[in-house]
Amino acid sequence: MLKPYNKKPLSYAEQVHHLQSKGLSIHNVAWAEGILAKYGYYRLSAYWYPYRIRSGNNVLDRFKPGTSFEKIVQLYEFDTELRLQIFGAIEIIETFLRTKLTYYLGHQYGAFGIYNAQNFYPKFNHRKFLETCNKEVGRSKDTFIQHFQQNYDGFPQIPIWMLTEVLSFGSLSFLYSGLINNKANNKEDKKAIAQHFSLHHEKLAEWLHILTYVRNICAHHGRLWNKELAIKSKADKDPNWQSPITPTNKRIFYVLLILKTLLRPTVFDSEWCNQLNKLLKPIVKDENWRVAMGFPDNWEEHPIWSL
């Protein structure tokens, strides 16, 4: 039977006292109050959840002995930096993808070829795509968009090299998914883009879909470090992507491998990987956290990560 929600809002001091009553160690009360005022009680609760006592299948409203507020804040700030690093990598990949799509489609179909449904896969929802394009063009405040609108007819239809500059990463992923790949008719547009990443075109489409999902988590400041991914990759024939070398495709380590692979043609992969290693080492030395993130024991020697 459902019950009414009757919890009352607590002051920062009351929040600290409430956490202490649950067994959380807080050495500096004033500092803890400042952290709660900065990050928020409810947001931090996702990060102290792993520290709560388990009894069978139940999670009790008590903290494990020795759990400190400092550990929880460290985990939260790690996740914040992890999101920033992942978001930065996706931005580099997005720019690279945007450039390759623009150049190829512009030369293959002309400035406005993207508006012709015949230039896409027959089952692609071209109408929905154009609706998305028109919305994103209409929202744009970029000077070059305003200049085109004031000087040329056809708006909101604009040249491909302008359009791709205002499309979101999700829209670019959607655009790629609709490209033709028909070897019999000598039209392999997807393959032409995917070859820049040294990937099969189906794999690139799948990974772009996953990264759109991950990017949205980053953009909305969601928890990422131990999240079970709602959108995950299909089984890969390459043993380096399979268990036990890569324990699972449901956790963040799999996403890091995707990012490392897609960053290679941009030549930022090694630099980004080195930055991540420094961030990851203090956290993944804890076996519980390592497993929660989908890391293998010898993750630094992983054949994809170390390549």
Protein backbone atom coordinates (compact mmCIF):
# COMPACT_ATOMS: atom_id res chain seq x y z
CA MET A 1 0.00 0.00 0.00
CA LEU A 2 1.35 3.42 -0.90
CA LYS A 3 1.96 5.93 1.86
CA PRO A 4 2.10 9.73 1.83
CA TYR A 5 5.51 11.40 1.60
CA ASN A 6 5.93 13.48 4.73
CA LYS A 7 9.66 14.13 5.03
CA LYS A 8 10.51 17.74 5.83
CA PRO A 9 13.41 19.78 4.43
CA LEU A 10 16.47 19.89 6.70
CA SER A 11 18.95 22.69 7.26
CA TYR A 12 22.58 21.96 6.36
CA ALA A 13 23.38 21.51 10.04
CA GLU A 14 20.47 19.08 10.40
CA GLN A 15 21.63 17.19 7.31
CA VAL A 16 25.08 16.73 8.88
CA HIS A 17 23.53 15.53 12.15
CA HIS A 18 21.25 13.13 10.22
CA LEU A 19 24.23 11.59 8.40
CA GLN A 20 26.16 11.23 11.64
CA SER A 21 23.18 9.46 13.21
CA LYS A 22 23.40 6.89 10.40
CA GLY A 23 27.03 6.11 11.25
CA LEU A 24 28.85 8.42 8.83
CA SER A 25 32.12 9.79 10.18
CA ILE A 26 32.36 13.59 9.77
CA HIS A 27 35.52 15.15 11.19
CA ASN A 28 34.88 18.75 10.19
CA VAL A 29 31.25 19.70 10.61
CA ALA A 30 31.60 23.22 9.19
CA TRP A 31 33.36 21.87 6.09
CA ALA A 32 30.67 19.20 5.64
CA GLU A 33 27.93 21.83 5.84
CA GLY A 34 29.76 23.82 3.16
CA ILE A 35 30.00 20.75 0.91
CA LEU A 36 26.29 20.03 1.29
CA ALA A 37 25.54 23.66 0.45
CA LYS A 38 27.79 23.38 -2.62
CA TYR A 39 26.79 20.00 -4.06
CA GLY A 40 23.46 19.15 -2.44
CA TYR A 41 22.38 16.31 -0.14
CA TYR A 42 20.32 14.42 -2.72
CA ARG A 43 23.03 14.54 -5.40
CA LEU A 44 25.66 13.25 -2.96
CA SER A 45 23.36 10.45 -1.81
CA ALA A 46 24.12 8.53 -5.01
CA TYR A 47 27.77 8.48 -3.98
CA TRP A 48 27.28 7.30 -0.42
CA TYR A 49 24.89 4.55 -1.55
CA PRO A 50 27.78 2.07 -2.14
CA TYR A 51 28.93 2.69 1.44
CA ARG A 52 25.65 1.59 3.00
CA ILE A 53 25.42 -1.74 4.84
CA ARG A 54 24.01 -4.70 2.88
CA SER A 55 21.94 -7.43 4.50
CA GLY A 56 21.14 -10.08 1.94
CA ASN A 57 19.31 -8.33 -0.88
CA ASN A 58 18.48 -5.33 1.28
CA VAL A 59 20.39 -2.07 1.56
CA LEU A 60 20.11 -0.70 5.08
CA ASP A 61 19.88 2.94 6.06
CA ARG A 62 23.22 2.71 7.85
CA PHE A 63 26.80 3.29 6.76
CA LYS A 64 29.53 0.69 6.84
CA PRO A 65 31.88 1.16 9.81
CA GLY A 66 34.75 3.51 9.03
CA THR A 67 32.94 5.36 6.23
CA SER A 68 33.95 9.00 6.17
CA PHE A 69 32.30 11.95 4.49
CA GLU A 70 35.67 12.75 2.94
CA LYS A 71 35.64 9.43 1.02
CA ILE A 72 32.21 10.21 -0.38
CA VAL A 73 33.25 13.68 -1.50
CA GLN A 74 36.39 12.22 -3.10
CA LEU A 75 34.23 9.81 -5.09
CA TYR A 76 31.87 12.59 -6.16
CA GLU A 77 34.71 14.84 -7.29
CA PHE A 78 36.34 11.94 -9.14
CA ASP A 79 33.11 11.35 -11.04
CA THR A 80 32.88 15.05 -11.86
CA GLU A 81 36.38 15.06 -13.35
CA LEU A 82 35.71 11.78 -15.17
CA ARG A 83 32.67 13.31 -16.84
CA LEU A 84 34.71 16.33 -17.91
CA GLN A 85 37.41 14.12 -19.42
CA ILE A 86 34.85 12.00 -21.26
CA PHE A 87 32.94 15.06 -22.44
CA GLY A 88 36.18 16.54 -23.76
CA ALA A 89 37.00 13.36 -25.68
CA ILE A 90 33.53 13.25 -27.23
CA GLU A 91 33.91 16.89 -28.29
CA ILE A 92 37.13 16.05 -30.18
CA ILE A 93 35.48 13.04 -31.84
CA GLU A 94 32.41 15.14 -32.70
CA THR A 95 34.55 17.77 -34.43
CA PHE A 96 36.41 15.12 -36.42
CA LEU A 97 33.16 13.40 -37.42
CA ARG A 98 31.54 16.72 -38.33
CA THR A 99 34.44 17.58 -40.62
CA LYS A 100 34.42 14.23 -42.40
CA LEU A 101 30.64 14.24 -42.89
CA THR A 102 30.65 17.79 -44.22
CA TYR A 103 33.48 17.26 -46.67
CA TYR A 104 32.20 13.95 -47.99
CA LEU A 105 28.49 14.82 -48.28
CA GLY A 106 29.22 18.26 -49.72
CA HIS A 107 31.34 16.81 -52.51
CA GLN A 108 29.13 13.77 -53.07
CA TYR A 109 25.73 15.48 -53.14
CA GLY A 110 26.33 19.23 -53.23
CA ALA A 111 25.53 22.04 -50.80
CA PHE A 112 21.85 21.09 -50.39
CA GLY A 113 21.94 17.36 -51.19
CA ILE A 114 21.20 16.51 -47.59
CA TYR A 115 17.62 17.74 -48.11
CA ASN A 116 16.96 15.11 -50.77
CA ALA A 117 15.56 11.88 -49.34
CA GLN A 118 16.93 9.95 -52.33
CA ASN A 119 20.43 10.47 -50.95
CA PHE A 120 19.62 8.41 -47.85
CA TYR A 121 18.82 4.85 -46.91
CA PRO A 122 15.21 4.13 -48.06
CA LYS A 123 13.93 3.30 -44.55
CA PHE A 124 15.63 6.31 -42.96
CA ASN A 125 13.15 8.73 -41.38
CA HIS A 126 14.28 11.64 -43.52
CA ARG A 127 11.27 13.75 -42.60
CA LYS A 128 12.05 13.49 -38.90
CA PHE A 129 15.67 14.33 -39.59
CA LEU A 130 14.70 17.48 -41.52
CA GLU A 131 12.38 18.54 -38.70
CA THR A 132 15.31 18.23 -36.31
CA CYS A 133 17.57 20.19 -38.67
CA ASN A 134 15.03 23.01 -39.01
CA LYS A 135 14.59 23.25 -35.23
CA GLU A 136 18.33 23.41 -34.58
CA VAL A 137 18.86 25.96 -37.36
CA GLY A 138 15.95 28.03 -36.03
CA ARG A 139 17.42 28.05 -32.51
CA SER A 140 20.87 29.09 -33.67
CA LYS A 141 22.05 32.65 -32.99
CA ASP A 142 25.22 32.24 -35.04
CA THR A 143 26.10 35.17 -37.27
CA PHE A 144 26.58 33.00 -40.35
CA ILE A 145 23.04 31.62 -39.97
CA GLN A 146 21.59 35.12 -39.67
CA HIS A 147 23.64 36.26 -42.67
CA PHE A 148 22.29 33.42 -44.81
CA GLN A 149 18.70 34.12 -43.75
CA GLN A 150 19.04 37.80 -44.63
CA ASN A 151 20.71 37.29 -48.00
CA TYR A 152 19.54 34.01 -49.54
CA ASP A 153 16.25 32.27 -50.17
CA GLY A 154 15.30 28.78 -49.01
CA PHE A 155 15.81 29.29 -45.26
CA PRO A 156 15.81 27.21 -43.02
CA GLN A 157 17.49 25.03 -45.65
CA ILE A 158 21.16 25.94 -45.56
CA PRO A 159 24.36 24.49 -47.07
CA ILE A 160 25.74 21.32 -45.51
CA TRP A 161 28.87 23.12 -44.25
CA MET A 162 26.68 25.51 -42.26
CA LEU A 163 24.15 22.91 -41.17
CA THR A 164 26.65 20.54 -39.59
CA GLU A 165 28.02 23.38 -37.48
CA VAL A 166 24.71 23.79 -35.65
CA LEU A 167 23.62 20.14 -35.45
CA SER A 168 24.01 18.44 -32.08
CA PHE A 169 26.10 15.32 -31.63
CA GLY A 170 22.90 13.28 -31.46
CA SER A 171 21.74 14.75 -34.77
CA LEU A 172 25.10 13.99 -36.39
CA SER A 173 24.78 10.41 -35.15
CA PHE A 174 21.26 10.25 -36.58
CA LEU A 175 22.51 11.67 -39.88
CA TYR A 176 25.24 9.04 -40.11
CA SER A 177 22.76 6.25 -39.34
CA GLY A 178 20.72 7.27 -42.39
CA LEU A 179 23.51 7.25 -44.94
CA ILE A 180 23.38 4.78 -47.82
CA ASN A 181 25.65 1.76 -47.78
CA ASN A 182 24.80 -0.30 -50.85
CA LYS A 183 27.83 -2.02 -52.34
CA ALA A 184 25.83 -3.42 -55.27
CA ASN A 185 24.89 0.11 -56.36
CA ASN A 186 28.38 1.43 -55.64
CA LYS A 187 27.05 3.78 -52.93
CA GLU A 188 28.91 3.19 -49.68
CA ASP A 189 28.60 6.51 -47.89
CA LYS A 190 28.71 5.03 -44.40
CA LYS A 191 31.83 3.08 -45.25
CA ALA A 192 33.48 6.22 -46.63
CA ILE A 193 33.06 7.95 -43.25
CA ALA A 194 33.83 4.89 -41.11
CA GLN A 195 37.15 4.27 -42.86
CA HIS A 196 38.50 7.45 -41.26
CA PHE A 197 38.09 5.69 -37.91
CA SER A 198 39.34 2.31 -39.27
CA LEU A 199 36.01 0.76 -38.26
CA HIS A 200 33.21 -1.21 -39.87
CA HIS A 201 30.36 1.18 -40.62
CA GLU A 202 27.87 -0.73 -38.43
CA LYS A 203 30.23 -0.54 -35.47
CA LEU A 204 30.69 3.21 -35.91
CA ALA A 205 26.92 3.76 -36.03
CA GLU A 206 26.50 1.71 -32.85
CA TRP A 207 29.26 3.54 -31.01
CA LEU A 208 27.97 6.98 -32.01
CA HIS A 209 24.59 5.99 -30.56
CA ILE A 210 26.24 4.92 -27.30
CA LEU A 211 28.29 8.11 -27.09
CA THR A 212 25.18 10.24 -27.67
CA TYR A 213 23.69 8.58 -24.59
CA VAL A 214 26.88 9.03 -22.55
CA ARG A 215 27.23 12.65 -23.66
CA ASN A 216 23.72 13.37 -22.41
CA ILE A 217 24.64 11.95 -19.01
CA CYS A 218 27.71 14.20 -18.91
CA ALA A 219 25.76 17.26 -20.05
CA HIS A 220 23.20 16.76 -17.28
CA HIS A 221 25.88 16.09 -14.63
CA GLY A 222 24.63 12.56 -14.04
CA ARG A 223 26.46 9.85 -12.13
CA LEU A 224 28.73 7.96 -14.49
CA TRP A 225 31.55 6.20 -12.68
CA ASN A 226 29.65 3.01 -11.65
CA LYS A 227 26.56 3.36 -13.84
CA GLU A 228 25.18 0.33 -15.66
CA LEU A 229 24.72 1.58 -19.21
CA ALA A 230 21.18 1.53 -20.57
CA ILE A 231 22.56 1.51 -24.13
CA LYS A 232 25.42 -0.90 -24.68
CA SER A 233 27.43 -2.41 -27.50
CA LYS A 234 26.60 -5.67 -29.21
CA ALA A 235 28.87 -8.68 -28.76
CA ASP A 236 32.17 -8.17 -30.55
CA LYS A 237 34.04 -10.96 -32.30
CA ASP A 238 37.40 -9.48 -31.31
CA PRO A 239 38.52 -11.24 -28.08
CA ASN A 240 40.03 -7.97 -26.81
CA TRP A 241 36.47 -6.66 -26.44
CA GLN A 242 35.22 -9.82 -24.73
CA SER A 243 35.44 -11.23 -21.21
CA PRO A 244 37.80 -11.80 -19.48
CA ILE A 245 40.04 -9.25 -21.26
CA THR A 246 37.19 -6.74 -21.17
CA PRO A 247 34.94 -7.91 -18.32
CA THR A 248 31.67 -6.28 -19.41
CA ASN A 249 30.13 -4.00 -22.03
CA LYS A 250 27.76 -2.47 -19.45
CA ARG A 251 30.21 -0.26 -17.55
CA ILE A 252 32.30 2.82 -18.11
CA PHE A 253 35.57 1.06 -18.95
CA TYR A 254 33.97 -0.16 -22.18
CA VAL A 255 33.10 3.44 -23.05
CA LEU A 256 36.68 4.51 -22.33
CA LEU A 257 37.89 1.87 -24.79
CA ILE A 258 35.46 3.18 -27.41
CA LEU A 259 36.73 6.72 -26.86
CA LYS A 260 40.36 5.62 -27.03
CA THR A 261 39.68 3.89 -30.36
CA LEU A 262 37.77 6.79 -31.90
CA LEU A 263 40.40 9.30 -30.76
CA ARG A 264 43.24 7.55 -32.63
CA PRO A 265 42.79 9.34 -35.98
CA THR A 266 42.69 12.68 -34.15
CA VAL A 267 46.12 11.93 -32.56
CA PHE A 268 44.79 13.00 -29.15
CA ASP A 269 44.40 9.42 -27.92
CA SER A 270 47.73 9.04 -26.09
CA GLU A 271 47.54 12.42 -24.37
CA TRP A 272 43.96 11.80 -23.28
CA CYS A 273 44.77 8.29 -22.09
CA ASN A 274 47.67 9.55 -19.96
CA GLN A 275 45.41 12.13 -18.32
CA LEU A 276 42.83 9.45 -17.56
CA ASN A 277 45.44 7.14 -16.05
CA LYS A 278 46.38 9.79 -13.49
CA LEU A 279 42.73 10.32 -12.59
CA LEU A 280 41.81 6.63 -12.47
CA LYS A 281 44.68 5.11 -10.49
CA PRO A 282 43.68 6.32 -6.99
CA ILE A 283 40.12 5.04 -7.47
CA VAL A 284 40.52 1.73 -9.30
CA LYS A 285 43.16 0.45 -6.88
CA ASP A 286 40.08 -0.34 -4.76
CA GLU A 287 38.82 -3.69 -6.07
CA ASN A 288 35.17 -2.84 -5.37
CA TRP A 289 35.36 0.34 -7.41
CA ARG A 290 37.38 -1.37 -10.15
CA VAL A 291 34.68 -4.02 -10.58
CA ALA A 292 31.91 -1.43 -10.39
CA MET A 293 33.50 0.41 -13.32
CA GLY A 294 34.06 -2.74 -15.37
CA PHE A 295 37.87 -2.60 -15.24
CA PRO A 296 39.99 -5.75 -15.50
CA ASP A 297 42.71 -6.26 -12.88
CA ASN A 298 45.52 -5.39 -15.29
CA TRP A 299 43.64 -2.55 -16.97
CA GLU A 300 46.75 -0.46 -17.74
CA GLU A 301 48.09 -3.30 -19.92
CA HIS A 302 44.78 -3.82 -21.70
CA PRO A 303 45.63 -4.36 -25.42
CA ILE A 304 43.30 -1.55 -26.55
CA TRP A 305 43.95 0.88 -23.72
CA SER A 306 47.74 0.54 -23.92
CA LEU A 307 47.96 0.59 -27.74
